[in-house]
C-alpha cells in the first residue's frame, strides 16, 4: 500500500489533528465493511488511530493505485455512538 502526500492534504489532515501515519494506519487496518466506496470514486474508512481514537479517512486511488487522502478527522461523539451501535449488529 503506497500513499501520496502533498502540502494540501498534509495541511488539511493536520487542521483536524491527524498526521499522515495515523491516517495510513486507519486505512491499513480497515476491516469490513471498510473501505466503502462513496460518490466520485472516493473511498471511506472508519477505524481506530493512535491511542485508539476513532477516525474517518476518505481517500481516492490514483491511476497507479497510490492512495491520496483527501480528508481525515476524528469522529464526533454522535458518530462514535452510531458506529458502535452498528458494530454490535
PDB file of N, CA and C in Angstrom:
ATOM      1  N   UNK A   1       0.836  -1.173   0.000  1.00  0.00           N
ATOM      2  CA  UNK A   1       0.000   0.000   0.000  1.00  0.00           C
ATOM      3  C   UNK A   1       0.885   1.242   0.000  1.00  0.00           C
ATOM      4  N   UNK A   2       0.738   2.037  -1.030  1.00  0.00           N
ATOM      5  CA  UNK A   2       1.515   3.270  -1.095  1.00  0.00           C
ATOM      6  C   UNK A   2       0.585   4.470  -1.012  1.00  0.00           C
ATOM      7  N   UNK A   3       1.073   5.503  -0.345  1.00  0.00           N
ATOM      8  CA  UNK A   3       0.309   6.726  -0.154  1.00  0.00           C
ATOM      9  C   UNK A   3       1.049   7.886  -0.798  1.00  0.00           C
ATOM     10  N   UNK A   4       0.283   8.861  -1.255  1.00  0.00           N
ATOM     11  CA  UNK A   4       0.866  10.080  -1.823  1.00  0.00           C
ATOM     12  C   UNK A   4       0.395  11.257  -0.964  1.00  0.00           C
ATOM     13  N   UNK A   5       1.356  11.998  -0.473  1.00  0.00           N
ATOM     14  CA  UNK A   5       1.046  13.162   0.352  1.00  0.00           C
ATOM     15  C   UNK A   5       1.542  14.418  -0.349  1.00  0.00           C
ATOM     16  N   UNK A   6       0.781  15.470  -0.209  1.00  0.00           N
ATOM     17  CA  UNK A   6       1.151  16.774  -0.768  1.00  0.00           C
ATOM     18  C   UNK A   6       0.972  17.814   0.325  1.00  0.00           C
ATOM     19  N   UNK A   7       1.406  19.002   0.055  1.00  0.00           N
ATOM     20  CA  UNK A   7       1.232  20.085   1.026  1.00  0.00           C
ATOM     21  C   UNK A   7      -0.250  20.261   1.371  1.00  0.00           C
ATOM     22  N   UNK A   8      -1.118  20.138   0.344  1.00  0.00           N
ATOM     23  CA  UNK A   8      -2.551  20.342   0.565  1.00  0.00           C
ATOM     24  C   UNK A   8      -3.136  19.310   1.522  1.00  0.00           C
ATOM     25  N   UNK A   9      -2.925  17.995   1.263  1.00  0.00           N
ATOM     26  CA  UNK A   9      -3.580  17.020   2.137  1.00  0.00           C
ATOM     27  C   UNK A   9      -2.899  16.925   3.502  1.00  0.00           C
ATOM     28  N   UNK A  10      -1.600  17.211   3.584  1.00  0.00           N
ATOM     29  CA  UNK A  10      -0.937  17.258   4.896  1.00  0.00           C
ATOM     30  C   UNK A  10      -1.538  18.374   5.743  1.00  0.00           C
ATOM     31  N   UNK A  11      -1.745  19.539   5.131  1.00  0.00           N
ATOM     32  CA  UNK A  11      -2.330  20.676   5.841  1.00  0.00           C
ATOM     33  C   UNK A  11      -3.774  20.384   6.244  1.00  0.00           C
ATOM     34  N   UNK A  12      -4.537  19.798   5.324  1.00  0.00           N
ATOM     35  CA  UNK A  12      -5.951  19.516   5.593  1.00  0.00           C
ATOM     36  C   UNK A  12      -6.110  18.542   6.765  1.00  0.00           C
ATOM     37  N   UNK A  13      -5.385  17.448   6.748  1.00  0.00           N
ATOM     38  CA  UNK A  13      -5.459  16.476   7.844  1.00  0.00           C
ATOM     39  C   UNK A  13      -4.921  17.095   9.132  1.00  0.00           C
ATOM     40  N   UNK A  14      -3.842  17.853   9.019  1.00  0.00           N
ATOM     41  CA  UNK A  14      -3.243  18.489  10.194  1.00  0.00           C
ATOM     42  C   UNK A  14      -4.183  19.446  10.895  1.00  0.00           C
ATOM     43  N   UNK A  15      -5.042  20.131  10.144  1.00  0.00           N
ATOM     44  CA  UNK A  15      -6.012  21.041  10.762  1.00  0.00           C
ATOM     45  C   UNK A  15      -6.989  20.284  11.658  1.00  0.00           C
ATOM     46  N   UNK A  16      -7.147  18.983  11.401  1.00  0.00           N
ATOM     47  CA  UNK A  16      -8.028  18.148  12.217  1.00  0.00           C
ATOM     48  C   UNK A  16      -7.240  17.339  13.250  1.00  0.00           C
ATOM     49  N   UNK A  17      -5.947  17.630  13.368  1.00  0.00           N
ATOM     50  CA  UNK A  17      -5.125  16.946  14.360  1.00  0.00           C
ATOM     51  C   UNK A  17      -4.732  15.526  13.974  1.00  0.00           C
ATOM     52  N   UNK A  18      -4.748  15.233  12.670  1.00  0.00           N
ATOM     53  CA  UNK A  18      -4.407  13.895  12.189  1.00  0.00           C
ATOM     54  C   UNK A  18      -3.115  13.984  11.392  1.00  0.00           C
ATOM     55  N   UNK A  19      -2.123  13.149  11.756  1.00  0.00           N
ATOM     56  CA  UNK A  19      -0.883  13.135  10.982  1.00  0.00           C
ATOM     57  C   UNK A  19      -0.943  12.017   9.943  1.00  0.00           C
ATOM     58  N   UNK A  20      -0.065  12.058   8.958  1.00  0.00           N
ATOM     59  CA  UNK A  20      -0.121  11.079   7.878  1.00  0.00           C
ATOM     60  C   UNK A  20      -0.029   9.629   8.359  1.00  0.00           C
ATOM     61  N   UNK A  21       0.829   9.368   9.316  1.00  0.00           N
ATOM     62  CA  UNK A  21       0.996   7.998   9.806  1.00  0.00           C
ATOM     63  C   UNK A  21      -0.295   7.454  10.396  1.00  0.00           C
ATOM     64  N   UNK A  22      -1.026   8.314  11.100  1.00  0.00           N
ATOM     65  CA  UNK A  22      -2.277   7.872  11.717  1.00  0.00           C
ATOM     66  C   UNK A  22      -3.341   7.593  10.657  1.00  0.00           C
ATOM     67  N   UNK A  23      -3.444   8.459   9.657  1.00  0.00           N
ATOM     68  CA  UNK A  23      -4.413   8.244   8.574  1.00  0.00           C
ATOM     69  C   UNK A  23      -4.080   6.945   7.833  1.00  0.00           C
ATOM     70  N   UNK A  24      -2.798   6.726   7.557  1.00  0.00           N
ATOM     71  CA  UNK A  24      -2.378   5.500   6.880  1.00  0.00           C
ATOM     72  C   UNK A  24      -2.695   4.271   7.734  1.00  0.00           C
ATOM     73  N   UNK A  25      -2.488   4.364   9.044  1.00  0.00           N
ATOM     74  CA  UNK A  25      -2.783   3.256   9.961  1.00  0.00           C
ATOM     75  C   UNK A  25      -4.250   2.852   9.873  1.00  0.00           C
ATOM     76  N   UNK A  26      -5.138   3.833   9.853  1.00  0.00           N
ATOM     77  CA  UNK A  26      -6.571   3.551   9.775  1.00  0.00           C
ATOM     78  C   UNK A  26      -6.894   2.816   8.473  1.00  0.00           C
ATOM     79  N   UNK A  27      -6.311   3.263   7.377  1.00  0.00           N
ATOM     80  CA  UNK A  27      -6.575   2.608   6.090  1.00  0.00           C
ATOM     81  C   UNK A  27      -5.977   1.205   6.066  1.00  0.00           C
ATOM     82  N   UNK A  28      -4.753   1.066   6.519  1.00  0.00           N
ATOM     83  CA  UNK A  28      -4.083  -0.248   6.509  1.00  0.00           C
ATOM     84  C   UNK A  28      -4.827  -1.278   7.367  1.00  0.00           C
ATOM     85  N   UNK A  29      -5.425  -0.821   8.456  1.00  0.00           N
ATOM     86  CA  UNK A  29      -6.095  -1.728   9.389  1.00  0.00           C
ATOM     87  C   UNK A  29      -7.605  -1.821   9.154  1.00  0.00           C
ATOM     88  N   UNK A  30      -8.072  -1.339   8.005  1.00  0.00           N
ATOM     89  CA  UNK A  30      -9.513  -1.353   7.712  1.00  0.00           C
ATOM     90  C   UNK A  30     -10.051  -2.777   7.761  1.00  0.00           C
ATOM     91  N   UNK A  31     -11.222  -2.909   8.373  1.00  0.00           N
ATOM     92  CA  UNK A  31     -11.908  -4.196   8.429  1.00  0.00           C
ATOM     93  C   UNK A  31     -13.299  -4.021   7.824  1.00  0.00           C
ATOM     94  N   UNK A  32     -13.833  -5.095   7.236  1.00  0.00           N
ATOM     95  CA  UNK A  32     -15.156  -4.998   6.606  1.00  0.00           C
ATOM     96  C   UNK A  32     -16.182  -4.400   7.554  1.00  0.00           C
ATOM     97  N   UNK A  33     -17.001  -3.512   7.094  1.00  0.00           N
ATOM     98  CA  UNK A  33     -17.336  -3.249   5.693  1.00  0.00           C
ATOM     99  C   UNK A  33     -16.452  -2.197   5.026  1.00  0.00           C
ATOM    100  N   UNK A  34     -15.348  -1.825   5.655  1.00  0.00           N
ATOM    101  CA  UNK A  34     -14.498  -0.759   5.096  1.00  0.00           C
ATOM    102  C   UNK A  34     -13.328  -1.343   4.335  1.00  0.00           C
ATOM    103  N   UNK A  35     -12.844  -0.647   3.332  1.00  0.00           N
ATOM    104  CA  UNK A  35     -13.333   0.635   2.841  1.00  0.00           C
ATOM    105  C   UNK A  35     -14.629   0.487   2.046  1.00  0.00           C
ATOM    106  N   UNK A  36     -15.447   1.513   2.118  1.00  0.00           N
ATOM    107  CA  UNK A  36     -16.680   1.538   1.342  1.00  0.00           C
ATOM    108  C   UNK A  36     -16.555   2.622   0.277  1.00  0.00           C
ATOM    109  N   UNK A  37     -17.060   2.314  -0.893  1.00  0.00           N
ATOM    110  CA  UNK A  37     -16.976   3.278  -1.987  1.00  0.00           C
ATOM    111  C   UNK A  37     -18.063   4.333  -1.829  1.00  0.00           C
ATOM    112  N   UNK A  38     -17.675   5.571  -2.033  1.00  0.00           N
ATOM    113  CA  UNK A  38     -18.582   6.716  -1.976  1.00  0.00           C
ATOM    114  C   UNK A  38     -18.728   7.276  -3.386  1.00  0.00           C
ATOM    115  N   UNK A  39     -19.416   8.397  -3.495  1.00  0.00           N
ATOM    116  CA  UNK A  39     -19.576   9.030  -4.803  1.00  0.00           C
ATOM    117  C   UNK A  39     -18.227   9.533  -5.320  1.00  0.00           C
ATOM    118  N   UNK A  40     -18.151   9.728  -6.617  1.00  0.00           N
ATOM    119  CA  UNK A  40     -16.966  10.283  -7.272  1.00  0.00           C
ATOM    120  C   UNK A  40     -15.695   9.469  -7.032  1.00  0.00           C
ATOM    121  N   UNK A  41     -15.843   8.136  -6.940  1.00  0.00           N
ATOM    122  CA  UNK A  41     -14.705   7.232  -6.786  1.00  0.00           C
ATOM    123  C   UNK A  41     -13.875   7.509  -5.539  1.00  0.00           C
ATOM    124  N   UNK A  42     -14.544   7.943  -4.490  1.00  0.00           N
ATOM    125  CA  UNK A  42     -13.893   8.157  -3.199  1.00  0.00           C
ATOM    126  C   UNK A  42     -14.146   6.939  -2.320  1.00  0.00           C
ATOM    127  N   UNK A  43     -13.223   6.677  -1.414  1.00  0.00           N
ATOM    128  CA  UNK A  43     -13.330   5.542  -0.505  1.00  0.00           C
ATOM    129  C   UNK A  43     -13.301   6.038   0.930  1.00  0.00           C
ATOM    130  N   UNK A  44     -14.163   5.467   1.778  1.00  0.00           N
ATOM    131  CA  UNK A  44     -14.295   5.851   3.177  1.00  0.00           C
ATOM    132  C   UNK A  44     -13.849   4.704   4.064  1.00  0.00           C
ATOM    133  N   UNK A  45     -13.067   5.048   5.090  1.00  0.00           N
ATOM    134  CA  UNK A  45     -12.680   4.089   6.119  1.00  0.00           C
ATOM    135  C   UNK A  45     -12.935   4.743   7.471  1.00  0.00           C
ATOM    136  N   UNK A  46     -13.548   3.990   8.374  1.00  0.00           N
ATOM    137  CA  UNK A  46     -13.681   4.412   9.760  1.00  0.00           C
ATOM    138  C   UNK A  46     -12.936   3.375  10.577  1.00  0.00           C
ATOM    139  N   UNK A  47     -12.059   3.847  11.453  1.00  0.00           N
ATOM    140  CA  UNK A  47     -11.281   2.920  12.268  1.00  0.00           C
ATOM    141  C   UNK A  47     -10.529   3.651  13.352  1.00  0.00           C
ATOM    142  N   UNK A  48      -9.763   2.869  14.091  1.00  0.00           N
ATOM    143  CA  UNK A  48      -9.020   3.429  15.219  1.00  0.00           C
ATOM    144  C   UNK A  48      -7.618   3.858  14.800  1.00  0.00           C
ATOM    145  N   UNK A  49      -7.256   5.037  15.260  1.00  0.00           N
ATOM    146  CA  UNK A  49      -5.924   5.580  15.008  1.00  0.00           C
ATOM    147  C   UNK A  49      -5.080   5.483  16.265  1.00  0.00           C
ATOM    148  N   UNK A  50      -4.194   6.445  16.438  1.00  0.00           N
ATOM    149  CA  UNK A  50      -3.305   6.470  17.605  1.00  0.00           C
ATOM    150  C   UNK A  50      -4.090   6.542  18.904  1.00  0.00           C
ATOM    151  N   UNK A  51      -3.675   5.757  19.868  1.00  0.00           N
ATOM    152  CA  UNK A  51      -4.337   5.783  21.160  1.00  0.00           C
ATOM    153  C   UNK A  51      -5.758   5.262  21.125  1.00  0.00           C
ATOM    154  N   UNK A  52      -6.150   4.628  20.035  1.00  0.00           N
ATOM    155  CA  UNK A  52      -7.491   4.064  19.936  1.00  0.00           C
ATOM    156  C   UNK A  52      -8.571   5.050  19.558  1.00  0.00           C
ATOM    157  N   UNK A  53      -8.203   6.270  19.200  1.00  0.00           N
ATOM    158  CA  UNK A  53      -9.254   7.234  18.840  1.00  0.00           C
ATOM    159  C   UNK A  53      -9.837   6.880  17.480  1.00  0.00           C
ATOM    160  N   UNK A  54     -11.120   7.142  17.338  1.00  0.00           N
ATOM    161  CA  UNK A  54     -11.844   6.821  16.113  1.00  0.00           C
ATOM    162  C   UNK A  54     -11.649   7.926  15.084  1.00  0.00           C
ATOM    163  N   UNK A  55     -11.305   7.518  13.855  1.00  0.00           N
ATOM    164  CA  UNK A  55     -11.110   8.470  12.763  1.00  0.00           C
ATOM    165  C   UNK A  55     -11.930   8.086  11.551  1.00  0.00           C
ATOM    166  N   UNK A  56     -12.236   9.087  10.767  1.00  0.00           N
ATOM    167  CA  UNK A  56     -12.826   8.900   9.445  1.00  0.00           C
ATOM    168  C   UNK A  56     -11.779   9.362   8.446  1.00  0.00           C
ATOM    169  N   UNK A  57     -11.463   8.515   7.486  1.00  0.00           N
ATOM    170  CA  UNK A  57     -10.486   8.866   6.457  1.00  0.00           C
ATOM    171  C   UNK A  57     -11.128   8.606   5.091  1.00  0.00           C
ATOM    172  N   UNK A  58     -11.028   9.585   4.212  1.00  0.00           N
ATOM    173  CA  UNK A  58     -11.533   9.446   2.850  1.00  0.00           C
ATOM    174  C   UNK A  58     -10.342   9.603   1.907  1.00  0.00           C
ATOM    175  N   UNK A  59     -10.258   8.692   0.940  1.00  0.00           N
ATOM    176  CA  UNK A  59      -9.149   8.742   0.000  1.00  0.00           C
ATOM    177  C   UNK A  59      -9.632   8.409  -1.402  1.00  0.00           C
ATOM    178  N   UNK A  60      -8.795   8.721  -2.367  1.00  0.00           N
ATOM    179  CA  UNK A  60      -9.022   8.334  -3.751  1.00  0.00           C
ATOM    180  C   UNK A  60      -7.823   7.511  -4.185  1.00  0.00           C
ATOM    181  N   UNK A  61      -8.049   6.660  -5.185  1.00  0.00           N
ATOM    182  CA  UNK A  61      -6.959   5.882  -5.765  1.00  0.00           C
ATOM    183  C   UNK A  61      -6.476   6.578  -7.025  1.00  0.00           C
ATOM    184  N   UNK A  62      -5.182   6.863  -7.074  1.00  0.00           N
ATOM    185  CA  UNK A  62      -4.602   7.421  -8.286  1.00  0.00           C
ATOM    186  C   UNK A  62      -4.526   6.323  -9.340  1.00  0.00           C
ATOM    187  N   UNK A  63      -4.227   6.694 -10.555  1.00  0.00           N
ATOM    188  CA  UNK A  63      -4.142   5.730 -11.649  1.00  0.00           C
ATOM    189  C   UNK A  63      -3.126   4.630 -11.383  1.00  0.00           C
ATOM    190  N   UNK A  64      -2.092   4.930 -10.587  1.00  0.00           N
ATOM    191  CA  UNK A  64      -1.063   3.934 -10.271  1.00  0.00           C
ATOM    192  C   UNK A  64      -1.369   3.188  -8.964  1.00  0.00           C
ATOM    193  N   UNK A  65      -2.634   3.285  -8.490  1.00  0.00           N
ATOM    194  CA  UNK A  65      -3.112   2.656  -7.252  1.00  0.00           C
ATOM    195  C   UNK A  65      -2.501   3.251  -5.981  1.00  0.00           C
ATOM    196  N   UNK A  66      -1.894   4.417  -6.087  1.00  0.00           N
ATOM    197  CA  UNK A  66      -1.429   5.145  -4.905  1.00  0.00           C
ATOM    198  C   UNK A  66      -2.646   5.767  -4.233  1.00  0.00           C
ATOM    199  N   UNK A  67      -2.665   5.731  -2.916  1.00  0.00           N
ATOM    200  CA  UNK A  67      -3.786   6.296  -2.168  1.00  0.00           C
ATOM    201  C   UNK A  67      -3.486   7.748  -1.811  1.00  0.00           C
ATOM    202  N   UNK A  68      -4.434   8.609  -2.128  1.00  0.00           N
ATOM    203  CA  UNK A  68      -4.310  10.038  -1.839  1.00  0.00           C
ATOM    204  C   UNK A  68      -5.422  10.413  -0.868  1.00  0.00           C
ATOM    205  N   UNK A  69      -5.044  10.682   0.372  1.00  0.00           N
ATOM    206  CA  UNK A  69      -6.008  11.037   1.417  1.00  0.00           C
ATOM    207  C   UNK A  69      -6.519  12.444   1.139  1.00  0.00           C
ATOM    208  N   UNK A  70      -7.847  12.566   1.062  1.00  0.00           N
ATOM    209  CA  UNK A  70      -8.432  13.892   0.829  1.00  0.00           C
ATOM    210  C   UNK A  70      -9.135  14.435   2.062  1.00  0.00           C
ATOM    211  N   UNK A  71      -9.310  13.569   3.076  1.00  0.00           N
ATOM    212  CA  UNK A  71      -9.988  14.007   4.289  1.00  0.00           C
ATOM    213  C   UNK A  71      -9.647  13.044   5.423  1.00  0.00           C
ATOM    214  N   UNK A  72      -9.337  13.575   6.583  1.00  0.00           N
ATOM    215  CA  UNK A  72      -9.077  12.742   7.759  1.00  0.00           C
ATOM    216  C   UNK A  72      -9.405  13.565   9.001  1.00  0.00           C
ATOM    217  N   UNK A  73     -10.260  12.993   9.848  1.00  0.00           N
ATOM    218  CA  UNK A  73     -10.650  13.724  11.062  1.00  0.00           C
ATOM    219  C   UNK A  73     -11.160  12.742  12.105  1.00  0.00           C
ATOM    220  N   UNK A  74     -11.111  13.149  13.381  1.00  0.00           N
ATOM    221  CA  UNK A  74     -11.710  12.320  14.434  1.00  0.00           C
ATOM    222  C   UNK A  74     -13.230  12.300  14.283  1.00  0.00           C
ATOM    223  N   UNK A  75     -13.848  11.193  14.680  1.00  0.00           N
ATOM    224  CA  UNK A  75     -15.307  11.119  14.688  1.00  0.00           C
ATOM    225  C   UNK A  75     -15.847  11.988  15.816  1.00  0.00           C
ATOM    226  N   UNK A  76     -17.040  12.530  15.614  1.00  0.00           N
ATOM    227  CA  UNK A  76     -17.719  13.248  16.686  1.00  0.00           C
ATOM    228  C   UNK A  76     -18.277  12.216  17.672  1.00  0.00           C
ATOM    229  N   UNK A  77     -18.678  12.655  18.840  1.00  0.00           N
ATOM    230  CA  UNK A  77     -19.273  11.739  19.822  1.00  0.00           C
ATOM    231  C   UNK A  77     -20.515  11.063  19.248  1.00  0.00           C
ATOM    232  N   UNK A  78     -21.321  11.807  18.528  1.00  0.00           N
ATOM    233  CA  UNK A  78     -22.532  11.242  17.921  1.00  0.00           C
ATOM    234  C   UNK A  78     -22.166  10.166  16.896  1.00  0.00           C
ATOM    235  N   UNK A  79     -21.154  10.418  16.081  1.00  0.00           N
ATOM    236  CA  UNK A  79     -20.717   9.437  15.089  1.00  0.00           C
ATOM    237  C   UNK A  79     -20.158   8.181  15.754  1.00  0.00           C
ATOM    238  N   UNK A  80     -19.390   8.357  16.830  1.00  0.00           N
ATOM    239  CA  UNK A  80     -18.842   7.194  17.548  1.00  0.00           C
ATOM    240  C   UNK A  80     -19.960   6.327  18.100  1.00  0.00           C
ATOM    241  N   UNK A  81     -20.975   6.967  18.659  1.00  0.00           N
ATOM    242  CA  UNK A  81     -22.101   6.225  19.212  1.00  0.00           C
ATOM    243  C   UNK A  81     -22.819   5.438  18.120  1.00  0.00           C
ATOM    244  N   UNK A  82     -23.050   6.071  16.986  1.00  0.00           N
ATOM    245  CA  UNK A  82     -23.713   5.412  15.853  1.00  0.00           C
ATOM    246  C   UNK A  82     -22.854   4.259  15.324  1.00  0.00           C
ATOM    247  N   UNK A  83     -21.551   4.463  15.252  1.00  0.00           N
ATOM    248  CA  UNK A  83     -20.652   3.427  14.747  1.00  0.00           C
ATOM    249  C   UNK A  83     -20.620   2.224  15.695  1.00  0.00           C
ATOM    250  N   UNK A  84     -20.530   2.486  16.996  1.00  0.00           N
ATOM    251  CA  UNK A  84     -20.505   1.375  17.974  1.00  0.00           C
ATOM    252  C   UNK A  84     -21.808   0.593  17.926  1.00  0.00           C
ATOM    253  N   UNK A  85     -22.933   1.279  17.740  1.00  0.00           N
ATOM    254  CA  UNK A  85     -24.229   0.615  17.646  1.00  0.00           C
ATOM    255  C   UNK A  85     -24.256  -0.294  16.417  1.00  0.00           C
ATOM    256  N   UNK A  86     -23.723   0.171  15.309  1.00  0.00           N
ATOM    257  CA  UNK A  86     -23.673  -0.610  14.076  1.00  0.00           C
ATOM    258  C   UNK A  86     -22.759  -1.837  14.244  1.00  0.00           C
ATOM    259  N   UNK A  87     -21.667  -1.685  14.980  1.00  0.00           N
ATOM    260  CA  UNK A  87     -20.741  -2.792  15.209  1.00  0.00           C
ATOM    261  C   UNK A  87     -21.397  -3.946  15.972  1.00  0.00           C
ATOM    262  N   UNK A  88     -22.312  -3.625  16.866  1.00  0.00           N
ATOM    263  CA  UNK A  88     -22.961  -4.653  17.690  1.00  0.00           C
ATOM    264  C   UNK A  88     -23.963  -5.501  16.912  1.00  0.00           C
ATOM    265  N   UNK A  89     -24.431  -5.004  15.783  1.00  0.00           N
ATOM    266  CA  UNK A  89     -25.439  -5.735  14.997  1.00  0.00           C
ATOM    267  C   UNK A  89     -24.865  -6.958  14.360  1.00  0.00           C
TER     268      UNK A  89
END
